[in-house]
Structures are given as structure tokens and as C-alpha cells.
Amino acid sequence: MTTPRTVLITGGNRGIGFAIAQEFLAQGHRVAVTARSGSGPEGALTVRADVTDAAAIDAAFTEVEQQLGPVEVVVANAGITRDMLLMRMSEDDFDTVVDTNLGGSFRVVKRASKGMLKARFGRVILVSSVVGLLGGAGQVNYSSSKAGLVGMARSITRELGARGITANVVAPGFIETDMTAELPEAQQAEYKKSIPAGRFASPEEVAKVIAWLASDDAGYISGAVIPVDGGLGMGH
């Protein structure tokens, strides 16, 4: 049995974030999600927040703390893409993606660390991507932001590891979400050919790995990058 914890997941209103929230709820945790619109699964507390706004993040945490208690597990999942070839990518296309994906994770983890230090317990889980390690044409902004999470988790581990706080990165590959469903059939088949497992992952497969990292069993794992990609990015 794992100890019930207060869990906050950013971007928990759809896709992988929604599945992560469902998994933590199924395991008996107290779950809150941040969302700019929409809401998390039934049973989760949904708070409005934009991860690019530190004041909004602070207010969201305060609301969660009042309703569910101090946040013990934070899953930084909120992210955006603005894919474009390097030559055509504007400063804004780059800055916006990095500020949301990397800056947003920084703001959320910084606010979460206050309560974790006090409790001498914390689980920080950063949702990266196979693209952060493998690279992706047209994704200089996105892959940079996702690769940056690795350095963030490892620095947090060195700073806070002695206080009962772990920080890890999960790097999903291709996942069955609304985004991949919109890809043309031929393109989907092409992608599946490059994945040793021969298929996309379900969001639940990613969620279960994240929930395990937050569990009592994973207390000695920190600064790790755990791929959930069917072998696509092996060795990266």
C-alpha cells in the first residue's frame, strides 16, 4: 500500500494529464489539477492557473493547500507546441514554448518546494518527451524546453535530495491522444515503424509510471530519466 498523498498535476484537463489525475485518484490520493480551461476527472479539484503566471500559480497552490492540504507530489505536465522549421521560427515561437514548458515547470516546482521542505518529503515529477532527448525536426523550441527539464530535475536532486525530496523526469514517446489521432493514417503507420514496440502508448501506461515514481517504493530514485516510449529513444 502506498501512503495517500496530496497531488497536484498541471494541465490535468486533457490527454496525459487527465489520465495521470485518474490514476492517482484510483490509488486513493487527494488530487488537484490546474487547467486554463475545462476540468480534471471527477473527484479531482480543478483550479484555474496559467503556468506562465507566478501569481496565478501561487493562488492555485494556496487554494489546493486550503482544501486538500500541503502538496506532497507535483507533476509538471502542462506544455504546448509551436512546431516550425528553425529558419521560420520566430523569437516569440521559441520564447513562448520555453516559457510555458520549462519556465512553467520552474514556477510550479519552486512554489511546491516550500511545503515539501517543511514536510521533509516531496516527489517532483517532470513530464518531458522522447523529443527532448532524440530531437525532432521542426521542434527546436519544444525539444530544448523538454531537454531542459533533465538539468532541472538533476539540480533539484542535488539541492534537495537530503530533505526527503526526489525529482525525476518521465519521457513519453508517441501517445494515443487527440493530437496523434489527428495525424494522417500513413504518417501514423510510418511513426509506428520506427517504434520497436510497434504501437503508440496509451495515456494510462504513462500515468502508471508517474504514479509509481510518486509511491513509497520509489524513494531512492532521483535525477532519473525514465522513458515510456516503446524503445524509440533507446540510450538517449
C-alpha atoms as a PDB file:
ATOM      1  CA  MET A   1       0.000   0.000   0.000  1.00  0.00           C
ATOM      2  CA  THR A   2       1.216   3.458  -0.807  1.00  0.00           C
ATOM      3  CA  THR A   3       0.602   6.371   1.570  1.00  0.00           C
ATOM      4  CA  PRO A   4      -2.220   8.666   0.391  1.00  0.00           C
ATOM      5  CA  ARG A   5      -0.706  11.988  -0.690  1.00  0.00           C
ATOM      6  CA  THR A   6      -1.870  15.386  -1.876  1.00  0.00           C
ATOM      7  CA  VAL A   7      -1.038  15.512  -5.584  1.00  0.00           C
ATOM      8  CA  LEU A   8      -1.087  18.482  -7.963  1.00  0.00           C
ATOM      9  CA  ILE A   9      -0.909  17.919 -11.729  1.00  0.00           C
ATOM     10  CA  THR A  10      -0.566  20.838 -14.120  1.00  0.00           C
ATOM     11  CA  GLY A  11      -2.509  20.657 -17.369  1.00  0.00           C
ATOM     12  CA  GLY A  12      -4.774  17.947 -15.962  1.00  0.00           C
ATOM     13  CA  ASN A  13      -7.818  18.695 -18.091  1.00  0.00           C
ATOM     14  CA  ARG A  14      -6.956  16.500 -21.093  1.00  0.00           C
ATOM     15  CA  GLY A  15      -4.616  13.920 -22.593  1.00  0.00           C
ATOM     16  CA  ILE A  16      -1.828  12.553 -20.439  1.00  0.00           C
ATOM     17  CA  GLY A  17      -2.546  14.989 -17.583  1.00  0.00           C
ATOM     18  CA  PHE A  18      -6.144  13.793 -17.310  1.00  0.00           C
ATOM     19  CA  ALA A  19      -5.000  10.144 -17.262  1.00  0.00           C
ATOM     20  CA  ILE A  20      -2.394  10.936 -14.567  1.00  0.00           C
ATOM     21  CA  ALA A  21      -5.100  12.503 -12.395  1.00  0.00           C
ATOM     22  CA  GLN A  22      -7.357   9.462 -12.904  1.00  0.00           C
ATOM     23  CA  GLU A  23      -4.570   7.080 -11.889  1.00  0.00           C
ATOM     24  CA  PHE A  24      -3.728   8.975  -8.690  1.00  0.00           C
ATOM     25  CA  LEU A  25      -7.442   9.108  -7.800  1.00  0.00           C
ATOM     26  CA  ALA A  26      -7.763   5.346  -8.403  1.00  0.00           C
ATOM     27  CA  GLN A  27      -4.870   4.799  -5.973  1.00  0.00           C
ATOM     28  CA  GLY A  28      -6.655   6.772  -3.254  1.00  0.00           C
ATOM     29  CA  HIS A  29      -4.720  10.051  -3.357  1.00  0.00           C
ATOM     30  CA  ARG A  30      -6.100  13.576  -2.901  1.00  0.00           C
ATOM     31  CA  VAL A  31      -5.817  15.070  -6.374  1.00  0.00           C
ATOM     32  CA  ALA A  32      -5.881  18.599  -7.747  1.00  0.00           C
ATOM     33  CA  VAL A  33      -5.270  19.695 -11.324  1.00  0.00           C
ATOM     34  CA  THR A  34      -4.522  23.078 -12.836  1.00  0.00           C
ATOM     35  CA  ALA A  35      -6.205  23.973 -16.099  1.00  0.00           C
ATOM     36  CA  ARG A  36      -6.602  27.098 -18.172  1.00  0.00           C
ATOM     37  CA  SER A  37      -9.961  25.740 -19.336  1.00  0.00           C
ATOM     38  CA  GLY A  38     -12.021  22.586 -18.865  1.00  0.00           C
ATOM     39  CA  SER A  39     -11.627  20.432 -15.783  1.00  0.00           C
ATOM     40  CA  GLY A  40      -9.937  17.343 -14.437  1.00  0.00           C
ATOM     41  CA  PRO A  41     -11.615  13.977 -13.877  1.00  0.00           C
ATOM     42  CA  GLU A  42     -14.478  13.542 -11.442  1.00  0.00           C
ATOM     43  CA  GLY A  43     -13.162  13.537  -7.881  1.00  0.00           C
ATOM     44  CA  ALA A  44     -10.282  15.913  -8.622  1.00  0.00           C
ATOM     45  CA  LEU A  45     -10.202  19.537  -7.511  1.00  0.00           C
ATOM     46  CA  THR A  46      -9.736  21.781 -10.572  1.00  0.00           C
ATOM     47  CA  VAL A  47      -8.031  25.123 -10.054  1.00  0.00           C
ATOM     48  CA  ARG A  48      -7.593  27.783 -12.734  1.00  0.00           C
ATOM     49  CA  ALA A  49      -3.981  28.628 -13.453  1.00  0.00           C
ATOM     50  CA  ASP A  50      -1.677  29.569 -16.282  1.00  0.00           C
ATOM     51  CA  VAL A  51       1.838  28.224 -15.643  1.00  0.00           C
ATOM     52  CA  THR A  52       3.397  31.328 -17.208  1.00  0.00           C
ATOM     53  CA  ASP A  53       1.977  33.446 -14.350  1.00  0.00           C
ATOM     54  CA  ALA A  54       3.714  33.048 -10.970  1.00  0.00           C
ATOM     55  CA  ALA A  55       0.936  34.882  -9.084  1.00  0.00           C
ATOM     56  CA  ALA A  56      -1.706  32.563 -10.569  1.00  0.00           C
ATOM     57  CA  ILE A  57       0.399  29.534  -9.609  1.00  0.00           C
ATOM     58  CA  ASP A  58       0.731  30.847  -6.049  1.00  0.00           C
ATOM     59  CA  ALA A  59      -3.034  31.385  -5.789  1.00  0.00           C
ATOM     60  CA  ALA A  60      -3.721  27.894  -7.172  1.00  0.00           C
ATOM     61  CA  PHE A  61      -1.375  26.286  -4.624  1.00  0.00           C
ATOM     62  CA  THR A  62      -2.951  28.281  -1.793  1.00  0.00           C
ATOM     63  CA  GLU A  63      -6.405  27.020  -2.833  1.00  0.00           C
ATOM     64  CA  VAL A  64      -5.192  23.398  -3.002  1.00  0.00           C
ATOM     65  CA  GLU A  65      -3.439  23.715   0.387  1.00  0.00           C
ATOM     66  CA  GLN A  66      -6.627  25.034   1.981  1.00  0.00           C
ATOM     67  CA  GLN A  67      -8.840  22.303   0.517  1.00  0.00           C
ATOM     68  CA  LEU A  68      -6.575  19.240   0.380  1.00  0.00           C
ATOM     69  CA  GLY A  69      -3.505  20.049   2.489  1.00  0.00           C
ATOM     70  CA  PRO A  70       0.117  20.782   1.534  1.00  0.00           C
ATOM     71  CA  VAL A  71       1.129  19.482  -1.904  1.00  0.00           C
ATOM     72  CA  GLU A  72       3.389  16.454  -1.484  1.00  0.00           C
ATOM     73  CA  VAL A  73       3.562  15.319  -5.106  1.00  0.00           C
ATOM     74  CA  VAL A  74       3.787  17.726  -8.025  1.00  0.00           C
ATOM     75  CA  VAL A  75       3.565  16.587 -11.642  1.00  0.00           C
ATOM     76  CA  ALA A  76       4.622  19.317 -14.078  1.00  0.00           C
ATOM     77  CA  ASN A  77       2.781  18.219 -17.184  1.00  0.00           C
ATOM     78  CA  ALA A  78       1.414  21.415 -18.799  1.00  0.00           C
ATOM     79  CA  GLY A  79       3.018  22.003 -22.168  1.00  0.00           C
ATOM     80  CA  ILE A  80       2.498  23.488 -25.608  1.00  0.00           C
ATOM     81  CA  THR A  81       3.997  23.065 -29.070  1.00  0.00           C
ATOM     82  CA  ARG A  82       4.602  25.548 -31.859  1.00  0.00           C
ATOM     83  CA  ASP A  83       6.345  23.403 -34.433  1.00  0.00           C
ATOM     84  CA  MET A  84       8.192  25.180 -37.202  1.00  0.00           C
ATOM     85  CA  LEU A  85      11.464  24.838 -39.057  1.00  0.00           C
ATOM     86  CA  LEU A  86      14.339  26.723 -37.454  1.00  0.00           C
ATOM     87  CA  MET A  87      14.644  29.213 -40.333  1.00  0.00           C
ATOM     88  CA  ARG A  88      10.997  30.216 -39.952  1.00  0.00           C
ATOM     89  CA  MET A  89      10.756  30.059 -36.154  1.00  0.00           C
ATOM     90  CA  SER A  90      10.234  33.490 -34.607  1.00  0.00           C
ATOM     91  CA  GLU A  91      11.667  34.661 -31.288  1.00  0.00           C
ATOM     92  CA  ASP A  92       8.112  34.564 -29.960  1.00  0.00           C
ATOM     93  CA  ASP A  93       7.575  30.960 -31.118  1.00  0.00           C
ATOM     94  CA  PHE A  94      10.705  29.990 -29.221  1.00  0.00           C
ATOM     95  CA  ASP A  95      10.166  32.102 -26.092  1.00  0.00           C
ATOM     96  CA  THR A  96       6.506  31.152 -25.614  1.00  0.00           C
ATOM     97  CA  VAL A  97       7.173  27.402 -25.740  1.00  0.00           C
ATOM     98  CA  VAL A  98      10.214  27.612 -23.458  1.00  0.00           C
ATOM     99  CA  ASP A  99       8.407  29.915 -21.006  1.00  0.00           C
ATOM    100  CA  THR A 100       5.447  27.536 -20.757  1.00  0.00           C
ATOM    101  CA  ASN A 101       7.212  24.168 -20.777  1.00  0.00           C
ATOM    102  CA  LEU A 102      10.444  24.964 -18.917  1.00  0.00           C
ATOM    103  CA  GLY A 103       9.583  28.212 -17.131  1.00  0.00           C
ATOM    104  CA  GLY A 104       6.186  26.829 -16.123  1.00  0.00           C
ATOM    105  CA  SER A 105       7.813  23.775 -14.551  1.00  0.00           C
ATOM    106  CA  PHE A 106      10.255  26.033 -12.681  1.00  0.00           C
ATOM    107  CA  ARG A 107       7.452  28.214 -11.262  1.00  0.00           C
ATOM    108  CA  VAL A 108       5.366  25.230 -10.181  1.00  0.00           C
ATOM    109  CA  VAL A 109       8.262  23.337  -8.586  1.00  0.00           C
ATOM    110  CA  LYS A 110       9.582  26.443  -6.830  1.00  0.00           C
ATOM    111  CA  ARG A 111       6.178  27.043  -5.204  1.00  0.00           C
ATOM    112  CA  ALA A 112       5.770  23.345  -4.336  1.00  0.00           C
ATOM    113  CA  SER A 113       9.220  23.142  -2.742  1.00  0.00           C
ATOM    114  CA  LYS A 114       8.180  25.420   0.161  1.00  0.00           C
ATOM    115  CA  GLY A 115       5.756  22.859   1.575  1.00  0.00           C
ATOM    116  CA  MET A 116       7.982  19.921   0.686  1.00  0.00           C
ATOM    117  CA  LEU A 117      10.938  21.353   2.605  1.00  0.00           C
ATOM    118  CA  LYS A 118       8.755  21.904   5.636  1.00  0.00           C
ATOM    119  CA  ALA A 119       7.416  18.335   5.461  1.00  0.00           C
ATOM    120  CA  ARG A 120      10.822  16.871   4.584  1.00  0.00           C
ATOM    121  CA  PHE A 121       9.036  14.889   1.898  1.00  0.00           C
ATOM    122  CA  GLY A 122       8.335  15.545  -1.750  1.00  0.00           C
ATOM    123  CA  ARG A 123       8.014  13.996  -5.161  1.00  0.00           C
ATOM    124  CA  VAL A 124       8.737  16.201  -8.151  1.00  0.00           C
ATOM    125  CA  ILE A 125       7.905  14.597 -11.498  1.00  0.00           C
ATOM    126  CA  LEU A 126       8.609  16.493 -14.708  1.00  0.00           C
ATOM    127  CA  VAL A 127       6.921  15.322 -17.894  1.00  0.00           C
ATOM    128  CA  SER A 128       9.421  15.622 -20.734  1.00  0.00           C
ATOM    129  CA  SER A 129       9.321  13.874 -24.113  1.00  0.00           C
ATOM    130  CA  VAL A 130      11.376  11.462 -26.178  1.00  0.00           C
ATOM    131  CA  VAL A 131      11.899  14.500 -28.452  1.00  0.00           C
ATOM    132  CA  GLY A 132      13.773  16.237 -25.632  1.00  0.00           C
ATOM    133  CA  LEU A 133      16.491  13.583 -25.899  1.00  0.00           C
ATOM    134  CA  LEU A 134      16.166  12.391 -29.501  1.00  0.00           C
ATOM    135  CA  GLY A 135      15.405  15.744 -31.128  1.00  0.00           C
ATOM    136  CA  GLY A 136      12.731  16.414 -33.705  1.00  0.00           C
ATOM    137  CA  ALA A 137      12.804  18.329 -36.973  1.00  0.00           C
ATOM    138  CA  GLY A 138      10.707  21.473 -36.620  1.00  0.00           C
ATOM    139  CA  GLN A 139      10.865  21.269 -32.833  1.00  0.00           C
ATOM    140  CA  VAL A 140      13.929  23.261 -31.764  1.00  0.00           C
ATOM    141  CA  ASN A 141      11.800  25.187 -29.248  1.00  0.00           C
ATOM    142  CA  TYR A 142       9.908  22.171 -27.890  1.00  0.00           C
ATOM    143  CA  SER A 143      12.881  19.805 -27.688  1.00  0.00           C
ATOM    144  CA  SER A 144      15.012  22.489 -25.975  1.00  0.00           C
ATOM    145  CA  SER A 145      12.298  23.061 -23.372  1.00  0.00           C
ATOM    146  CA  LYS A 146      11.893  19.338 -22.740  1.00  0.00           C
ATOM    147  CA  ALA A 147      15.644  18.638 -22.579  1.00  0.00           C
ATOM    148  CA  GLY A 148      15.979  21.453 -20.039  1.00  0.00           C
ATOM    149  CA  LEU A 149      13.783  19.508 -17.616  1.00  0.00           C
ATOM    150  CA  VAL A 150      16.546  16.911 -17.235  1.00  0.00           C
ATOM    151  CA  GLY A 151      19.004  19.507 -15.936  1.00  0.00           C
ATOM    152  CA  MET A 152      16.264  20.917 -13.706  1.00  0.00           C
ATOM    153  CA  ALA A 153      15.464  17.556 -12.084  1.00  0.00           C
ATOM    154  CA  ARG A 154      19.137  16.775 -11.512  1.00  0.00           C
ATOM    155  CA  SER A 155      19.875  20.172  -9.977  1.00  0.00           C
ATOM    156  CA  ILE A 156      16.821  19.870  -7.699  1.00  0.00           C
ATOM    157  CA  THR A 157      18.044  16.415  -6.674  1.00  0.00           C
ATOM    158  CA  ARG A 158      21.443  17.833  -5.690  1.00  0.00           C
ATOM    159  CA  GLU A 159      19.866  20.719  -3.793  1.00  0.00           C
ATOM    160  CA  LEU A 160      17.009  18.950  -2.038  1.00  0.00           C
ATOM    161  CA  GLY A 161      17.881  15.248  -2.099  1.00  0.00           C
ATOM    162  CA  ALA A 162      18.921  15.205   1.568  1.00  0.00           C
ATOM    163  CA  ARG A 163      15.488  16.519   2.615  1.00  0.00           C
ATOM    164  CA  GLY A 164      13.442  13.534   1.510  1.00  0.00           C
ATOM    165  CA  ILE A 165      12.605  15.126  -1.842  1.00  0.00           C
ATOM    166  CA  THR A 166      13.089  13.328  -5.166  1.00  0.00           C
ATOM    167  CA  ALA A 167      12.951  14.851  -8.654  1.00  0.00           C
ATOM    168  CA  ASN A 168      12.603  12.708 -11.754  1.00  0.00           C
ATOM    169  CA  VAL A 169      11.784  13.030 -15.438  1.00  0.00           C
ATOM    170  CA  VAL A 170       9.391  10.856 -17.416  1.00  0.00           C
ATOM    171  CA  ALA A 171       9.931  10.966 -21.183  1.00  0.00           C
ATOM    172  CA  PRO A 172       6.900   9.657 -23.073  1.00  0.00           C
ATOM    173  CA  GLY A 173       7.128   8.702 -26.727  1.00  0.00           C
ATOM    174  CA  PHE A 174       4.113   8.675 -29.045  1.00  0.00           C
ATOM    175  CA  ILE A 175       0.902   8.504 -27.034  1.00  0.00           C
ATOM    176  CA  GLU A 176      -2.666   7.875 -28.186  1.00  0.00           C
ATOM    177  CA  THR A 177      -4.172  11.325 -27.623  1.00  0.00           C
ATOM    178  CA  ASP A 178      -6.377  13.715 -29.628  1.00  0.00           C
ATOM    179  CA  MET A 179      -3.180  15.124 -31.144  1.00  0.00           C
ATOM    180  CA  THR A 180      -1.860  11.828 -32.529  1.00  0.00           C
ATOM    181  CA  ALA A 181      -5.379  10.764 -33.598  1.00  0.00           C
ATOM    182  CA  GLU A 182      -5.447  13.743 -35.986  1.00  0.00           C
ATOM    183  CA  LEU A 183      -2.320  12.554 -37.839  1.00  0.00           C
ATOM    184  CA  PRO A 184      -2.945  11.026 -41.290  1.00  0.00           C
ATOM    185  CA  GLU A 185      -3.082   7.212 -41.291  1.00  0.00           C
ATOM    186  CA  ALA A 186       0.051   6.925 -43.454  1.00  0.00           C
ATOM    187  CA  GLN A 187       2.012   9.130 -41.075  1.00  0.00           C
ATOM    188  CA  GLN A 188       0.835   7.127 -38.058  1.00  0.00           C
ATOM    189  CA  ALA A 189       1.965   3.905 -39.767  1.00  0.00           C
ATOM    190  CA  GLU A 190       5.350   5.498 -40.539  1.00  0.00           C
ATOM    191  CA  TYR A 191       5.840   6.517 -36.894  1.00  0.00           C
ATOM    192  CA  LYS A 192       4.851   3.060 -35.634  1.00  0.00           C
ATOM    193  CA  LYS A 193       7.530   1.526 -37.882  1.00  0.00           C
ATOM    194  CA  SER A 194      10.204   3.492 -36.008  1.00  0.00           C
ATOM    195  CA  ILE A 195       8.970   2.284 -32.595  1.00  0.00           C
ATOM    196  CA  PRO A 196      10.302  -1.155 -31.590  1.00  0.00           C
ATOM    197  CA  ALA A 197       7.039  -1.874 -29.726  1.00  0.00           C
ATOM    198  CA  GLY A 198       5.176  -1.231 -32.978  1.00  0.00           C
ATOM    199  CA  ARG A 199       2.404   0.818 -31.377  1.00  0.00           C
ATOM    200  CA  PHE A 200       1.667   4.070 -29.577  1.00  0.00           C
ATOM    201  CA  ALA A 201       1.286   4.052 -25.782  1.00  0.00           C
ATOM    202  CA  SER A 202      -1.985   4.608 -24.004  1.00  0.00           C
ATOM    203  CA  PRO A 203      -2.019   7.651 -21.678  1.00  0.00           C
ATOM    204  CA  GLU A 204      -2.642   5.185 -18.820  1.00  0.00           C
ATOM    205  CA  GLU A 205       0.719   3.500 -19.423  1.00  0.00           C
ATOM    206  CA  VAL A 206       2.467   6.818 -18.824  1.00  0.00           C
ATOM    207  CA  ALA A 207       0.239   7.627 -15.836  1.00  0.00           C
ATOM    208  CA  LYS A 208       1.081   4.357 -14.068  1.00  0.00           C
ATOM    209  CA  VAL A 209       4.831   5.030 -14.301  1.00  0.00           C
ATOM    210  CA  ILE A 210       4.336   8.525 -12.886  1.00  0.00           C
ATOM    211  CA  ALA A 211       2.161   7.238 -10.027  1.00  0.00           C
ATOM    212  CA  TRP A 212       4.820   4.627  -9.221  1.00  0.00           C
ATOM    213  CA  LEU A 213       7.547   7.305  -9.091  1.00  0.00           C
ATOM    214  CA  ALA A 214       5.423   9.125  -6.511  1.00  0.00           C
ATOM    215  CA  SER A 215       4.978   5.982  -4.408  1.00  0.00           C
ATOM    216  CA  ASP A 216       6.788   4.943  -1.240  1.00  0.00           C
ATOM    217  CA  ASP A 217       8.601   2.256  -3.251  1.00  0.00           C
ATOM    218  CA  ALA A 218      10.441   4.816  -5.404  1.00  0.00           C
ATOM    219  CA  GLY A 219      12.003   6.856  -2.597  1.00  0.00           C
ATOM    220  CA  TYR A 220      15.591   6.104  -3.639  1.00  0.00           C
ATOM    221  CA  ILE A 221      15.137   7.068  -7.290  1.00  0.00           C
ATOM    222  CA  SER A 222      16.073  10.657  -8.061  1.00  0.00           C
ATOM    223  CA  GLY A 223      17.547  12.549 -11.006  1.00  0.00           C
ATOM    224  CA  ALA A 224      16.466   9.715 -13.297  1.00  0.00           C
ATOM    225  CA  VAL A 225      15.042   9.981 -16.789  1.00  0.00           C
ATOM    226  CA  ILE A 226      12.515   7.213 -17.335  1.00  0.00           C
ATOM    227  CA  PRO A 227      11.461   6.683 -20.946  1.00  0.00           C
ATOM    228  CA  VAL A 228       7.960   5.402 -21.672  1.00  0.00           C
ATOM    229  CA  ASP A 229       8.424   5.178 -25.406  1.00  0.00           C
ATOM    230  CA  GLY A 230       8.343   1.537 -26.518  1.00  0.00           C
ATOM    231  CA  GLY A 231      12.090   1.647 -27.163  1.00  0.00           C
ATOM    232  CA  LEU A 232      12.011   4.614 -29.576  1.00  0.00           C
ATOM    233  CA  GLY A 233      14.740   6.658 -27.866  1.00  0.00           C
ATOM    234  CA  MET A 234      16.940   3.868 -26.514  1.00  0.00           C
ATOM    235  CA  GLY A 235      20.202   5.021 -24.980  1.00  0.00           C
ATOM    236  CA  HIS A 236      19.368   8.728 -25.098  1.00  0.00           C
END
